[in-house]
Structures are given as structure tokens and as C-alpha cells.
Protein backbone atom coordinates (compact mmCIF):
# COMPACT_ATOMS: atom_id res chain seq x y z
CA MET A 1 3.41 20.23 -45.40
CA LYS A 2 2.79 17.08 -43.37
CA HIS A 3 4.02 13.69 -44.53
CA ILE A 4 4.04 10.13 -43.27
CA ILE A 5 7.26 8.22 -43.71
CA LEU A 6 6.14 4.69 -44.58
CA ILE A 7 8.32 1.58 -44.61
CA LEU A 8 6.65 -1.38 -46.37
CA LEU A 9 7.49 -5.06 -46.36
CA VAL A 10 5.30 -7.03 -48.79
CA THR A 11 5.77 -10.68 -49.78
CA PHE A 12 3.84 -12.64 -52.43
CA LEU A 13 3.87 -16.45 -52.51
CA CYS A 14 2.52 -18.49 -55.37
CA ASN A 15 1.24 -22.02 -54.71
CA GLY A 16 2.70 -21.79 -51.22
CA ILE A 17 6.37 -21.98 -52.29
CA TYR A 18 7.09 -19.80 -55.39
CA PRO A 19 7.65 -16.05 -54.83
CA GLN A 20 6.05 -13.54 -57.22
CA SER A 21 7.42 -10.12 -58.19
CA VAL A 22 5.61 -6.97 -57.01
CA THR A 23 4.87 -4.67 -59.93
CA ASN A 24 2.64 -2.00 -58.40
CA LEU A 25 1.63 -0.48 -55.05
CA GLU A 26 -1.20 1.83 -54.02
CA TYR A 27 -2.50 3.42 -50.84
CA PHE A 28 -5.64 5.18 -49.64
CA PHE A 29 -6.99 6.72 -46.41
CA ASP A 30 -10.14 5.65 -44.57
CA ILE A 31 -12.40 4.69 -47.55
CA ASP A 32 -11.48 2.09 -50.19
CA PRO A 33 -11.87 3.61 -53.72
CA GLY A 34 -11.63 0.16 -55.34
CA LEU A 35 -8.78 -1.99 -56.63
CA GLY A 36 -6.45 0.06 -58.81
CA ASN A 37 -8.09 3.36 -57.83
CA GLY A 38 -5.83 4.25 -54.90
CA THR A 39 -2.84 6.57 -55.05
CA ALA A 40 0.00 4.78 -56.86
CA LEU A 41 3.44 4.20 -55.37
CA ASP A 42 6.48 3.29 -57.46
CA ALA A 43 7.63 -0.26 -56.70
CA ASN A 44 11.08 -1.64 -57.46
CA VAL A 45 10.91 -5.00 -59.22
CA ASN A 46 12.17 -7.72 -56.89
CA THR A 47 11.98 -11.43 -56.24
CA GLY A 48 9.07 -11.38 -53.81
CA ALA A 49 10.01 -9.25 -50.82
CA LEU A 50 9.71 -5.47 -51.09
CA THR A 51 11.21 -3.13 -48.53
CA GLN A 52 10.85 0.52 -49.48
CA THR A 53 10.40 3.95 -47.82
CA TYR A 54 7.80 6.50 -48.96
CA ASN A 55 6.73 10.02 -48.00
CA ILE A 56 2.93 10.28 -48.01
CA ALA A 57 1.34 13.73 -47.85
CA THR A 58 -1.41 14.33 -45.26
CA GLU A 59 -2.18 18.03 -45.75
CA ASN A 60 -5.68 17.24 -47.05
CA LEU A 61 -6.61 15.23 -43.96
CA ASP A 62 -8.45 16.65 -40.98
CA ASN A 63 -6.88 16.59 -37.52
CA GLY A 64 -7.37 13.30 -35.70
CA LEU A 65 -7.06 9.54 -36.24
CA HIS A 66 -7.09 8.08 -39.76
CA ASN A 67 -6.64 4.64 -41.31
CA LEU A 68 -3.87 4.23 -43.89
CA PHE A 69 -4.28 1.22 -46.23
CA VAL A 70 -1.57 -0.15 -48.55
CA ARG A 71 -1.79 -3.07 -51.01
CA ALA A 72 0.39 -4.54 -53.74
CA PHE A 73 -0.13 -5.91 -57.28
CA ASN A 74 2.02 -8.79 -58.57
CA GLU A 75 3.13 -9.98 -62.03
CA ASN A 76 0.16 -12.36 -62.18
CA GLU A 77 -2.16 -9.33 -61.90
CA THR A 78 -3.31 -10.34 -58.44
CA TRP A 79 -3.91 -7.78 -55.69
CA SER A 80 -2.78 -8.53 -52.15
CA HIS A 81 -4.96 -8.00 -49.12
CA TYR A 82 -4.43 -4.50 -47.74
CA ASP A 83 -2.21 -3.69 -44.76
CA ARG A 84 -3.73 -1.14 -42.37
CA LYS A 85 -2.04 1.29 -39.99
CA LEU A 86 -3.52 3.92 -37.69
CA VAL A 87 -2.04 7.42 -38.06
CA TYR A 88 -2.73 10.60 -36.09
CA VAL A 89 -2.73 13.92 -37.95
CA THR A 90 -2.30 17.27 -36.24
CA LYS A 91 -1.77 20.64 -37.87
CA ILE A 92 1.27 22.65 -36.80
CA GLN A 93 0.84 26.39 -36.79
CA ASN A 94 3.54 28.15 -38.80
CA THR A 95 2.78 31.60 -37.35
CA THR A 96 4.74 32.94 -34.38
CA GLN A 97 2.68 34.34 -31.52
CA ASN A 98 3.95 37.23 -29.43
CA ILE A 99 3.88 36.96 -25.64
CA ILE A 100 1.79 39.77 -24.19
CA GLN A 101 1.49 38.66 -20.55
CA ALA A 102 3.35 36.47 -18.04
CA GLU A 103 2.70 35.53 -14.42
CA TYR A 104 4.02 33.30 -11.65
CA TYR A 105 2.72 31.73 -8.45
CA PHE A 106 3.83 29.32 -5.73
CA ASP A 107 2.35 25.96 -4.74
CA ILE A 108 -1.37 26.73 -5.37
CA ASP A 109 -2.82 27.95 -8.69
CA PRO A 110 -4.93 31.12 -8.14
CA GLY A 111 -6.41 30.87 -11.66
CA PHE A 112 -5.45 32.33 -15.03
CA GLY A 113 -4.65 36.04 -14.80
CA ASN A 114 -4.77 36.06 -10.97
CA ALA A 115 -1.11 35.29 -10.22
CA THR A 116 1.78 37.74 -9.75
CA VAL A 117 2.44 39.67 -12.98
CA ILE A 118 5.83 39.51 -14.72
CA ASN A 119 6.77 42.57 -16.76
CA VAL A 120 6.99 41.55 -20.44
CA PRO A 121 9.24 43.77 -22.62
CA SER A 122 8.56 44.37 -26.30
CA GLN A 123 11.40 42.23 -27.67
CA ASP A 124 10.80 38.67 -28.81
CA ALA A 125 13.00 37.01 -26.16
CA PHE A 126 13.76 38.29 -22.70
CA THR A 127 15.32 37.30 -19.38
CA THR A 128 13.96 38.58 -16.11
CA THR A 129 14.78 38.35 -12.41
CA LEU A 130 12.00 37.84 -9.88
CA ASP A 131 12.24 39.80 -6.63
CA ILE A 132 10.43 37.50 -4.22
CA SER A 133 9.59 38.89 -0.80
CA GLN A 134 6.99 36.29 0.10
CA GLU A 135 7.45 34.41 3.38
CA PHE A 136 7.70 30.62 3.08
CA GLU A 137 7.61 27.82 5.61
CA GLU A 138 10.74 25.69 5.74
CA GLY A 139 10.61 22.81 3.26
CA ILE A 140 9.97 22.05 -0.43
CA HIS A 141 7.95 24.50 -2.54
CA LYS A 142 6.98 24.81 -6.23
CA LEU A 143 7.37 27.83 -8.52
CA PHE A 144 5.04 27.98 -11.55
CA VAL A 145 5.41 30.33 -14.55
CA ARG A 146 3.10 30.70 -17.57
CA VAL A 147 2.61 33.16 -20.44
CA LYS A 148 -0.25 34.36 -22.65
CA SER A 149 -0.08 34.90 -26.43
CA GLN A 150 -1.58 37.71 -28.47
CA ASP A 151 -4.48 35.36 -29.28
CA ASP A 152 -5.38 35.41 -25.58
CA ILE A 153 -4.26 31.79 -25.08
CA TRP A 154 -2.43 30.79 -21.88
CA SER A 155 0.46 28.37 -22.12
CA HIS A 156 0.89 25.35 -19.90
CA TYR A 157 2.88 26.24 -16.78
CA ASP A 158 6.59 25.56 -16.30
CA GLN A 159 7.38 24.23 -12.84
CA LYS A 160 10.51 24.29 -10.67
CA LEU A 161 11.09 22.80 -7.21
CA PHE A 162 13.06 24.66 -4.57
CA TYR A 163 13.81 24.20 -0.89
CA VAL A 164 13.47 26.91 1.75
CA LEU A 165 15.84 26.58 4.70
CA ASP A 166 15.25 28.35 7.98
CA ASN A 167 18.60 30.05 8.61
CA SER A 168 17.54 31.95 11.71
CA GLU A 169 20.13 31.70 14.47
CA THR A 170 19.43 29.50 17.47
CA SER A 171 21.42 28.88 20.63
CA LEU A 172 22.72 25.49 21.70
CA ILE A 173 21.71 24.77 25.29
CA GLU A 174 22.49 21.10 25.87
CA TYR A 175 24.55 18.18 24.63
CA GLU A 176 24.29 14.50 25.36
CA TYR A 177 26.60 11.63 24.49
CA PHE A 178 27.18 7.95 25.03
CA ILE A 179 29.89 5.45 24.15
CA ASP A 180 29.14 2.29 22.16
CA THR A 181 25.61 1.71 23.50
CA ASP A 182 22.90 4.00 24.87
CA ASP A 183 22.60 2.07 28.15
CA GLU A 184 24.02 5.15 29.89
CA ILE A 185 23.63 8.65 28.37
CA PHE A 186 25.57 11.64 29.73
CA SER A 187 24.23 15.20 29.54
CA VAL A 188 26.30 18.40 29.33
CA THR A 189 25.03 21.99 29.61
CA ALA A 190 26.26 24.15 26.73
CA THR A 191 28.26 27.22 27.72
CA ASN A 192 29.85 28.06 24.36
CA GLN A 193 27.41 29.24 21.67
CA SER A 194 29.99 29.11 18.88
CA GLY A 195 29.19 25.43 18.33
CA GLN A 196 32.70 24.38 19.35
CA VAL A 197 32.69 22.53 22.66
CA ILE A 198 35.71 20.91 24.27
CA ASN A 199 35.17 18.57 27.20
CA ASN A 200 37.25 15.88 28.82
CA ILE A 201 35.37 12.60 28.31
CA ASP A 202 36.06 9.95 30.92
CA THR A 203 36.98 6.62 29.31
CA PHE A 204 37.76 4.82 32.59
CA GLY A 205 36.47 1.25 32.49
CA LEU A 206 36.53 0.94 28.72
CA THR A 207 38.29 -2.10 27.37
CA GLN A 208 41.21 -1.93 25.02
CA GLY A 209 40.19 -1.74 21.37
CA ILE A 210 37.83 0.16 19.06
CA HIS A 211 34.92 2.16 20.56
CA TYR A 212 32.30 4.55 19.17
CA PHE A 213 31.45 7.98 20.54
CA PHE A 214 27.94 9.36 19.84
CA ILE A 215 26.89 12.98 20.49
CA ARG A 216 23.95 15.27 19.68
CA ALA A 217 22.89 18.81 20.61
CA LYS A 218 19.65 20.62 21.50
CA ASN A 219 18.87 24.26 20.65
CA ASN A 220 16.73 26.78 22.50
CA ASP A 221 13.69 25.69 20.46
CA GLY A 222 13.93 22.28 22.10
CA THR A 223 14.98 20.59 18.83
CA TRP A 224 17.56 17.82 18.98
CA SER A 225 20.05 17.25 16.19
CA ILE A 226 20.76 13.79 14.81
CA TYR A 227 23.63 11.88 16.39
CA ASP A 228 27.17 12.34 15.13
CA MET A 229 29.48 9.35 15.55
CA GLU A 230 33.26 9.09 15.77
CA GLU A 231 35.42 6.00 16.13
CA PHE A 232 38.26 5.94 18.68
CA GLU A 233 40.63 3.38 20.13
CA VAL A 234 41.48 2.76 23.78
CA GLY A 235 44.97 1.52 24.65
CA GLY A 236 47.15 1.43 27.75
CA PHE A 237 45.50 0.26 30.97
CA LEU A 238 43.11 -2.65 30.57
CA SER A 239 40.17 -3.84 32.63
CA ILE A 240 41.43 -7.39 32.01
CA PRO A 241 45.03 -8.49 31.78
CA GLU A 242 46.62 -7.73 28.44
CA ASN A 243 47.54 -11.33 27.83
CA VAL A 244 43.85 -12.30 28.22
CA TYR A 245 42.75 -9.62 25.72
CA ASN A 246 45.37 -10.69 23.22
CA SER A 247 44.42 -14.36 23.66
CA ILE A 248 40.92 -13.78 22.20
CA SER A 249 40.46 -14.17 18.46
CA VAL A 250 37.35 -13.11 16.52
CA TYR A 251 37.39 -14.44 12.95
CA PRO A 252 36.75 -14.20 10.07
CA ASN A 253 36.47 -10.43 10.19
CA PRO A 254 35.00 -9.18 7.83
CA THR A 255 32.45 -12.01 7.77
CA GLN A 256 29.37 -12.94 5.80
CA ASP A 257 27.65 -15.36 8.16
CA ILE A 258 29.58 -17.17 10.93
CA VAL A 259 31.87 -15.46 13.47
CA ASN A 260 34.20 -17.71 15.48
CA ILE A 261 35.38 -16.81 18.99
CA SER A 262 38.40 -18.57 20.45
CA SER A 263 40.83 -17.99 23.28
CA ALA A 264 44.14 -19.57 24.19
CA LEU A 265 43.12 -19.31 27.87
CA ASP A 266 40.32 -21.00 29.78
CA LEU A 267 37.88 -18.11 29.38
CA ASN A 268 34.24 -18.39 30.46
CA ILE A 269 32.11 -16.05 28.30
CA THR A 270 29.01 -15.03 30.24
CA LYS A 271 27.35 -12.74 27.69
CA ILE A 272 27.75 -11.76 24.02
CA SER A 273 26.29 -8.54 22.60
CA ILE A 274 26.40 -6.97 19.13
CA PHE A 275 25.50 -3.28 18.60
CA ASP A 276 25.10 -1.24 15.43
CA THR A 277 26.74 2.17 15.03
CA ARG A 278 23.70 3.88 16.57
CA GLY A 279 24.12 1.89 19.77
CA LYS A 280 21.13 -0.39 19.14
CA THR A 281 21.44 -3.99 20.30
CA VAL A 282 21.02 -6.31 17.29
CA PHE A 283 22.15 -9.56 18.94
CA GLU A 284 22.48 -10.77 22.52
CA SER A 285 23.08 -14.15 24.15
CA SER A 286 24.01 -15.36 27.64
CA LYS A 287 25.39 -18.65 26.34
CA ASN A 288 29.08 -19.50 26.31
CA MET A 289 29.20 -19.55 22.51
CA THR A 290 32.17 -20.07 20.22
CA LYS A 291 30.21 -19.42 17.00
CA ILE A 292 27.76 -16.62 16.18
CA ASN A 293 25.53 -16.56 13.09
CA VAL A 294 25.27 -12.96 11.82
CA SER A 295 23.86 -13.79 8.36
CA THR A 296 20.64 -11.89 9.13
CA LEU A 297 22.46 -8.62 9.85
CA SER A 298 22.70 -5.93 7.19
CA SER A 299 26.10 -5.12 5.73
CA GLY A 300 28.01 -2.56 7.80
CA VAL A 301 30.08 -1.91 10.93
CA TYR A 302 29.09 -3.41 14.30
CA ILE A 303 30.51 -3.65 17.80
CA LEU A 304 30.97 -7.12 19.29
CA LYS A 305 31.18 -7.02 23.08
CA LEU A 306 32.27 -10.09 25.06
CA HIS A 307 31.59 -10.34 28.81
CA SER A 308 33.64 -12.94 30.67
CA ASP A 309 34.51 -13.97 34.19
CA LEU A 310 37.71 -11.94 33.75
CA GLY A 311 36.13 -8.77 32.35
CA SER A 312 34.71 -7.33 29.12
CA VAL A 313 36.25 -6.53 25.77
CA SER A 314 34.90 -5.00 22.54
CA TYR A 315 35.80 -5.61 18.91
CA LYS A 316 34.86 -3.89 15.68
CA LEU A 317 33.00 -6.36 13.46
CA LEU A 318 32.57 -5.87 9.70
CA LYS A 319 29.56 -7.61 8.13
CA LYS A 320 29.80 -8.13 4.34
């Protein structure tokens, strides 16, 4: 049986200021039968405001939209104007339908009854495993499953996403790497197909401090991997005297907008460059600057490289 749960709030005012008690309520659907001829609802006597919950049967209504009207009667025998609400009625089947057919397909619907058949056992509920031998291209695909009832009615499909990965083996034939920036890229021919390559990387000429090593590989299909990046630090021999390197201060670091550059020595900066972790230049100036505005940069890790008349030095810069 179908019911509408109705919550009513009705207020009567007399002469604009005096509340009146509600003594009776009635409702009707769609067509007004006349005052006092609707279906009665029990009303609790109150001082003017009525809040009450009712169950209203709808089994005699056809499927679809209907208008529900409710009005109240007060102690002065005056009917209120009706309140109207739209309700939608749909019949729920109480019978259970048996599944007599099931099918599945991928990506494109071949039409009802034209997909791959799933064996349906006689029991009410069942679990099955699909043995899929179909070849798929690498990427995202969709699996659709639907069933048919004994009344010959197909259900809506159930859909699942899955990803197909090409796991065929390929050989690595080449590597390339660079340090800090991609101004100079070094190439290495792969001789070890295990994926583990050990080479001595020349760091001669790098300044003391933090640097970034980028590397990627190419397989025999000509496909390059994305770059992998590792941070490392150079110490020991310097391309500029150690006291000059230690005399330079870059602050505040981390910073949100302004970076200050100062040195205890008379240092002539000839070029300033900032690179992101992919080696892309995001700032460059040939001025002898002591302040750099980095407010337009995205938050992250950068490399600040200072070129001077005494040599070059790099710093790791953190942008908030």
C-alpha cells in the first residue's frame, strides 16, 4: 500500500492579531468535492498553529503526477484557503521476477540479445566468473552487464571501468641525462637490459651545493619514458674559492615573494637564472641584482644559479 507522509503547518489569524483554534482538517486529490466534503483528518486543538504528521493512502490513484489539497476549519466555522502540493505516484511491483538470460559486452552496445551470453543457473542468486579472451588496446575500457526477466524485459546495464596495460617486454636501447638545466644533454647507449645501469657521471665544473640529476630511457619501440629526478650535493673542490661561496647569502629561503642576495665580498653578479625541477628556465636577468621578485612562481623547489666574475654557484630555492 502506498502512502504520503504529510507534515502540515496551518495558522489562523482573526482580525490580523488574534489566533483561532483549528478544529478540523480535510484533504482531496485533483478535484475539489466542496467545502466539508473532502477526506477528514483528525486535528489536535491548539492555539492557532498546527504541526502534525499524517499518512495518506494513494493506492486508488493512477501512476503519474497528482495535486494534493489540504485545508483547515477553525472554531469560528471558517474554512482556510487550501494548500496545494504536487505528488508523484508510481506502483511498485510486489512480484519477484526470475532472471532467464544475462549478457555482457565491452565499450559498444551491440543491441539487446546480441552480446556475449552469460550462463544463468536455476538458483535465485548466483556468482559467475567471466573468461575473457578478447584482445584490447592499451587504455581505459568499459564492461557492461545486463539481465532479462521471465517477462522478457531487459534490465538497465551495470557498468564498470577497467584499464588494460600493455605488459609486453621491450628492450632499453638508450638513456639521456642532464644536470640542473637541459642546456647540455648527454646520451648513453644501453648495454644492460635488466633496467639497472651504473655509470660514472662526471661532475667536474659543478659548483658546491645542491644539484639535480635528470634521466630518461628509450625502448626499442622508440618510446621515451618521463624524466626521473634525483637531488645530490657537490662538496670538496670548488670552481670559486670556498670563502667566496660561503660569503654569499640567499634569504629568506623558503620565500613567498622577495629573495635577497648579499655577499661579504665585492662580488659582481653578471647573470641570475632560476630553473624548475624539470630544468626549465623560469627567470633570467643579466643585471647585478640584490633582490629578486619570485611572487609569480608556483609553490615548489627551484634552482637559483648565480654567475659572477669569480665563477658560478647554485642554491636550492623553496617557494611557498
